[in-house]
Amino acid sequence: MNPAQPATAGPRTRRWVSCADDFAIDAGTTDAIVDLIGKGRVTATSALVDAPLWPAAARQLAGGHATADVGLHLNLTQAFAPGTAGTWPLLELIWRCGTGRIPRATLQAAIARQLDAFESAMGRPPDYVDGHQHVHQFGVVRDLLIHALRQRYPATRIWVRSTRPPAGVRDRKSRGIALLGDRGLRARAAGAGIASSAYLVGVYDFRAVDSADRAAYREHLARWFDAGPDGSVLMCHPATLAAPGDPIGAARAMEYAYLGGAEFGAGLRRSDIVLTTGSALFTGVARQPSNFPPQGRQ
């Protein structure tokens, strides 16, 4: 049974993508995402291919875990090695993109290098592209990215992740992220015949989370469940444990515990939401999705 068209679903059933960011950033994040894919709680994961763990981590996505979409998490802000070309502090990158004062050749090379690294490890193009700290939507970046995707993969169905929040999500952070370039990204993608996801939920103040703050996350999810239309992407950042020095490590560990637990499944069922892949939703690719939660289970 395909959860994109569940046989027992009513007219209000919504299809969502559960998308885990930062795959390969560290061992705890990699292990958590692989586990949640296996449980059907994550149906897409975005890979940091500049991370030293990437080649080995990519092998964990083969075989039984090939049912989830695997995308490129375009990275222009985190240097995993000293002197990495094509990375800038986030605020500087926003300024450079907004004013056009960014070296296009350096940016093109960074995009090409990361697409090459993805293909080398996975043996195929990415299913989709998004951005570490949402950089894929910034001015200049989105133009060069969409051009590269169309040039490299003219016959491949690929999607890009929108940062547009649903109308019912009004928090300042969600709206602020989208204002950094979502409308332009969707317009550029549509002009190139590339699909975009519909809406993004999952944004909150990761740095303010205590490792035991499940109640606050439950409340966030309840609001997102209420507001997110069909085609929403739930962004998450799970990890089995907080890595030393990770500013959002506590949030990662809390999310992993919650997303793998019974409460998350119960919330999906109450809200009549089924998880599927972005490839199935946005490009029509017949991938084998997770079918979570199973229809009819109470």
Protein backbone atom coordinates (compact mmCIF):
# COMPACT_ATOMS: atom_id res chain seq x y z
CA MET A 1 0.00 0.00 0.00
CA ASN A 2 1.34 3.40 -1.00
CA PRO A 3 0.89 6.00 1.76
CA ALA A 4 0.66 8.69 -0.87
CA GLN A 5 -2.71 7.13 -1.71
CA PRO A 6 -3.70 5.11 1.38
CA ALA A 7 -6.52 2.73 0.66
CA THR A 8 -8.41 3.44 3.89
CA ALA A 9 -7.68 7.16 4.12
CA GLY A 10 -10.46 9.67 4.32
CA PRO A 11 -10.73 12.91 2.36
CA ARG A 12 -8.79 14.82 5.04
CA THR A 13 -5.69 12.61 4.99
CA ARG A 14 -2.51 14.67 4.50
CA ARG A 15 0.74 13.37 3.07
CA TRP A 16 3.91 14.72 4.67
CA VAL A 17 7.64 14.25 4.25
CA SER A 18 9.71 13.80 7.42
CA CYS A 19 13.12 15.22 6.49
CA ALA A 20 16.20 14.81 8.71
CA ASP A 21 18.96 17.35 8.12
CA ASP A 22 22.73 17.10 8.63
CA PHE A 23 23.26 13.46 7.72
CA ALA A 24 26.98 12.58 8.22
CA ILE A 25 27.76 15.62 10.38
CA ASP A 26 28.72 13.23 13.21
CA ALA A 27 28.22 9.60 14.21
CA GLY A 28 25.30 10.27 16.56
CA THR A 29 23.33 12.09 13.90
CA THR A 30 24.09 9.48 11.27
CA ASP A 31 23.06 6.58 13.51
CA ALA A 32 19.85 8.32 14.58
CA ILE A 33 18.76 9.06 11.03
CA VAL A 34 19.48 5.53 9.80
CA ASP A 35 17.49 4.15 12.72
CA LEU A 36 14.52 6.47 12.11
CA ILE A 37 14.50 5.66 8.39
CA GLY A 38 14.35 1.98 9.30
CA LYS A 39 11.38 2.68 11.59
CA GLY A 40 9.56 4.69 8.94
CA ARG A 41 9.74 7.89 10.97
CA VAL A 42 12.08 9.69 8.51
CA THR A 43 11.38 9.58 4.76
CA ALA A 44 14.11 11.95 3.52
CA THR A 45 17.56 12.88 4.71
CA SER A 46 19.84 15.71 3.63
CA ALA A 47 23.54 14.88 3.42
CA LEU A 48 26.48 17.09 4.37
CA VAL A 49 28.89 15.70 1.81
CA ASP A 50 31.82 17.87 2.95
CA ALA A 51 31.79 16.08 6.30
CA PRO A 52 34.63 13.54 6.78
CA LEU A 53 32.08 10.83 7.68
CA TRP A 54 30.13 11.15 4.44
CA PRO A 55 31.67 8.36 2.30
CA ALA A 56 31.25 5.76 5.06
CA ALA A 57 27.87 7.11 6.16
CA ALA A 58 26.54 6.96 2.60
CA ARG A 59 26.97 3.19 2.60
CA GLN A 60 24.46 2.96 5.45
CA LEU A 61 21.76 4.34 3.17
CA ALA A 62 22.00 1.45 0.74
CA GLY A 63 19.98 -1.73 0.78
CA GLY A 64 17.18 -1.76 3.33
CA HIS A 65 17.33 1.99 3.87
CA ALA A 66 17.02 2.90 0.20
CA THR A 67 13.30 3.69 0.60
CA ALA A 68 13.93 7.24 1.86
CA ASP A 69 14.87 10.13 -0.39
CA VAL A 70 18.50 11.17 -0.02
CA GLY A 71 19.31 14.77 -0.88
CA LEU A 72 22.22 17.18 -0.92
CA HIS A 73 22.36 19.53 2.09
CA LEU A 74 24.22 22.31 0.30
CA ASN A 75 26.80 23.70 2.69
CA LEU A 76 28.29 27.18 2.33
CA THR A 77 28.72 28.11 6.01
CA GLN A 78 30.51 25.27 7.84
CA ALA A 79 34.15 24.53 7.04
CA PHE A 80 34.91 20.93 8.00
CA ALA A 81 38.59 21.45 7.16
CA PRO A 82 40.74 24.58 7.49
CA GLY A 83 40.81 26.68 4.37
CA THR A 84 37.78 25.07 2.73
CA ALA A 85 36.87 27.22 -0.27
CA GLY A 86 33.29 28.32 -0.68
CA THR A 87 32.31 28.80 2.97
CA TRP A 88 31.47 32.03 4.75
CA PRO A 89 30.00 32.95 8.15
CA LEU A 90 26.21 32.94 7.80
CA LEU A 91 25.65 36.68 8.26
CA GLU A 92 28.45 37.50 5.82
CA LEU A 93 26.99 35.09 3.27
CA ILE A 94 23.54 36.70 3.61
CA TRP A 95 25.11 40.14 3.08
CA ARG A 96 27.21 39.02 0.12
CA CYS A 97 24.26 37.33 -1.59
CA GLY A 98 21.99 40.27 -0.91
CA THR A 99 24.42 42.75 -2.39
CA GLY A 100 25.77 40.50 -5.15
CA ARG A 101 29.28 40.73 -3.68
CA ILE A 102 30.02 37.04 -3.78
CA PRO A 103 32.58 35.39 -6.07
CA ARG A 104 30.43 33.45 -8.51
CA ALA A 105 33.26 31.19 -9.65
CA THR A 106 33.96 30.12 -6.06
CA LEU A 107 30.28 29.50 -5.48
CA GLN A 108 29.91 27.50 -8.70
CA ALA A 109 32.91 25.38 -7.74
CA ALA A 110 31.45 24.68 -4.27
CA ILE A 111 28.13 23.55 -5.76
CA ALA A 112 29.87 21.35 -8.35
CA ARG A 113 32.21 19.85 -5.74
CA GLN A 114 29.33 18.86 -3.50
CA LEU A 115 27.25 17.40 -6.31
CA ASP A 116 30.34 15.42 -7.39
CA ALA A 117 30.83 14.14 -3.83
CA PHE A 118 27.20 13.06 -3.60
CA GLU A 119 27.33 11.21 -6.92
CA SER A 120 30.65 9.57 -6.05
CA ALA A 121 29.32 8.08 -2.83
CA MET A 122 25.74 7.28 -3.91
CA GLY A 123 26.32 6.41 -7.56
CA ARG A 124 23.42 8.62 -8.67
CA PRO A 125 22.12 12.19 -8.49
CA PRO A 126 20.45 13.47 -5.32
CA ASP A 127 16.69 13.07 -5.03
CA TYR A 128 16.44 16.69 -3.90
CA VAL A 129 18.50 19.63 -2.71
CA ASP A 130 18.12 21.89 0.31
CA GLY A 131 20.63 23.93 2.26
CA HIS A 132 22.52 23.89 5.53
CA GLN A 133 21.08 26.97 7.28
CA HIS A 134 18.79 27.28 4.22
CA VAL A 135 21.54 28.74 2.03
CA HIS A 136 20.13 27.15 -1.14
CA GLN A 137 17.49 29.89 -1.39
CA PHE A 138 19.80 32.91 -1.10
CA GLY A 139 20.18 35.31 -4.04
CA VAL A 140 22.89 34.23 -6.52
CA VAL A 141 23.12 30.81 -4.80
CA ARG A 142 19.67 29.78 -6.02
CA ASP A 143 20.43 30.93 -9.57
CA LEU A 144 23.68 28.98 -9.80
CA LEU A 145 22.21 25.95 -8.04
CA ILE A 146 19.15 25.67 -10.28
CA HIS A 147 21.35 26.14 -13.35
CA ALA A 148 23.69 23.38 -12.18
CA LEU A 149 20.83 20.97 -11.48
CA ARG A 150 19.26 21.55 -14.90
CA GLN A 151 22.60 21.24 -16.71
CA ARG A 152 23.74 18.11 -14.87
CA TYR A 153 20.43 16.27 -14.61
CA PRO A 154 18.26 17.25 -17.59
CA ALA A 155 16.35 13.95 -17.56
CA THR A 156 16.23 13.43 -13.78
CA ARG A 157 13.22 14.34 -11.67
CA ILE A 158 14.53 16.26 -8.71
CA TRP A 159 12.95 18.60 -6.17
CA VAL A 160 14.14 21.50 -4.06
CA ARG A 161 12.95 22.21 -0.52
CA SER A 162 10.88 25.33 -0.03
CA THR A 163 11.20 27.24 3.24
CA ARG A 164 7.66 28.69 2.99
CA PRO A 165 5.73 28.18 6.24
CA PRO A 166 2.00 27.38 6.11
CA ALA A 167 -0.40 30.27 6.62
CA GLY A 168 -1.13 29.08 10.16
CA VAL A 169 2.54 29.20 11.22
CA ARG A 170 3.25 32.79 12.17
CA ASP A 171 6.38 32.68 14.34
CA ARG A 172 9.08 35.20 13.52
CA LYS A 173 11.84 32.67 12.85
CA SER A 174 9.85 30.68 10.27
CA ARG A 175 8.75 33.83 8.47
CA GLY A 176 12.22 35.35 8.62
CA ILE A 177 13.85 32.29 7.06
CA ALA A 178 11.40 32.32 4.15
CA LEU A 179 12.01 36.03 3.55
CA LEU A 180 15.66 35.25 2.83
CA GLY A 181 14.74 33.90 -0.59
CA ASP A 182 12.00 31.26 -0.74
CA ARG A 183 9.85 33.05 -3.30
CA GLY A 184 12.80 33.55 -5.60
CA LEU A 185 13.87 29.92 -5.23
CA ARG A 186 10.45 28.58 -6.15
CA ALA A 187 10.24 30.93 -9.12
CA ARG A 188 13.69 29.91 -10.43
CA ALA A 189 12.90 26.23 -9.96
CA ALA A 190 9.54 26.50 -11.73
CA GLY A 191 11.18 28.32 -14.63
CA ALA A 192 13.63 25.43 -15.00
CA GLY A 193 10.96 22.76 -14.72
CA ILE A 194 12.16 21.63 -11.29
CA ALA A 195 9.62 20.79 -8.59
CA SER A 196 9.52 22.50 -5.22
CA SER A 197 8.06 21.18 -2.00
CA ALA A 198 4.93 22.88 -0.73
CA TYR A 199 5.53 24.06 2.85
CA LEU A 200 8.10 23.72 5.62
CA VAL A 201 7.40 23.09 9.30
CA GLY A 202 9.82 22.14 12.07
CA VAL A 203 11.43 25.53 12.71
CA TYR A 204 11.88 26.58 16.35
CA ASP A 205 14.64 27.88 18.62
CA PHE A 206 16.88 24.79 18.69
CA ARG A 207 19.46 26.45 20.93
CA ALA A 208 16.93 27.10 23.71
CA VAL A 209 15.98 23.44 24.13
CA ASP A 210 16.87 21.42 27.19
CA SER A 211 17.57 17.74 26.59
CA ALA A 212 14.44 16.82 28.55
CA ASP A 213 12.16 19.42 26.94
CA ARG A 214 9.81 16.94 25.24
CA ALA A 215 6.67 18.83 26.29
CA ALA A 216 7.66 21.95 24.35
CA TYR A 217 8.46 19.89 21.26
CA ARG A 218 5.11 18.10 21.59
CA GLU A 219 3.40 21.50 21.61
CA HIS A 220 5.33 22.62 18.54
CA LEU A 221 4.32 19.45 16.71
CA ALA A 222 0.68 19.88 17.68
CA ARG A 223 0.67 23.36 16.12
CA TRP A 224 2.44 22.10 13.00
CA PHE A 225 0.02 19.17 12.71
CA ASP A 226 -2.87 21.63 12.84
CA ALA A 227 -1.39 24.11 10.36
CA GLY A 228 0.52 21.99 7.83
CA PRO A 229 -1.37 21.25 4.60
CA ASP A 230 -0.92 18.24 2.37
CA GLY A 231 2.62 18.28 0.99
CA SER A 232 4.29 19.77 4.06
CA VAL A 233 7.89 18.88 4.89
CA LEU A 234 8.67 18.36 8.58
CA MET A 235 12.32 19.36 9.09
CA CYS A 236 14.10 17.62 11.97
CA HIS A 237 17.65 17.25 13.33
CA PRO A 238 17.82 13.97 15.30
CA ALA A 239 20.92 12.49 16.95
CA THR A 240 21.40 9.62 19.37
CA LEU A 241 23.44 11.91 21.63
CA ALA A 242 24.64 15.49 21.77
CA ALA A 243 28.10 15.82 20.24
CA PRO A 244 30.59 17.90 22.27
CA GLY A 245 30.41 21.55 21.29
CA ASP A 246 27.26 21.19 19.20
CA PRO A 247 25.11 24.26 19.98
CA ILE A 248 21.91 22.37 19.14
CA GLY A 249 23.03 19.01 20.52
CA ALA A 250 20.37 18.89 23.25
CA ALA A 251 17.63 19.55 20.69
CA ARG A 252 18.99 16.78 18.45
CA ALA A 253 18.91 14.18 21.22
CA MET A 254 15.43 15.26 22.33
CA GLU A 255 14.07 15.08 18.78
CA TYR A 256 15.49 11.60 18.25
CA ALA A 257 13.85 10.29 21.40
CA TYR A 258 10.52 11.85 20.49
CA LEU A 259 10.43 10.95 16.80
CA GLY A 260 11.25 7.33 17.56
CA GLY A 261 8.62 7.03 20.26
CA ALA A 262 4.93 6.23 20.50
CA GLU A 263 3.78 9.83 20.99
CA PHE A 264 4.91 10.91 17.53
CA GLY A 265 3.09 8.02 15.88
CA ALA A 266 -0.05 8.70 17.88
CA GLY A 267 0.05 12.36 16.90
CA LEU A 268 0.29 11.49 13.21
CA ARG A 269 -2.68 9.14 13.50
CA ARG A 270 -4.81 11.65 15.38
CA SER A 271 -4.03 14.26 12.74
CA ASP A 272 -4.63 11.84 9.84
CA ILE A 273 -1.13 12.38 8.45
CA VAL A 274 0.84 9.71 6.60
CA LEU A 275 4.54 9.96 5.85
CA THR A 276 5.84 9.47 2.34
CA THR A 277 8.74 10.63 0.18
CA GLY A 278 9.13 13.95 -1.55
CA SER A 279 9.88 12.07 -4.76
CA ALA A 280 6.41 10.51 -4.63
CA LEU A 281 4.71 13.77 -3.69
CA PHE A 282 6.50 16.35 -5.80
CA THR A 283 7.96 14.51 -8.80
CA GLY A 284 5.84 11.37 -9.15
CA VAL A 285 8.80 9.01 -8.82
CA ALA A 286 7.58 5.55 -7.79
CA ARG A 287 9.90 5.05 -4.82
CA GLN A 288 8.97 2.62 -2.04
CA PRO A 289 7.90 4.93 0.80
CA SER A 290 7.64 4.19 4.49
CA ASN A 291 3.85 3.80 4.83
CA PHE A 292 3.92 5.24 8.34
CA PRO A 293 1.72 5.25 10.29
CA PRO A 294 0.08 2.01 9.08
CA GLN A 295 -3.49 2.69 8.08
CA GLY A 296 -6.14 1.52 10.52
CA ARG A 297 -3.82 1.12 13.51
CA GLN A 298 -5.24 2.72 16.63
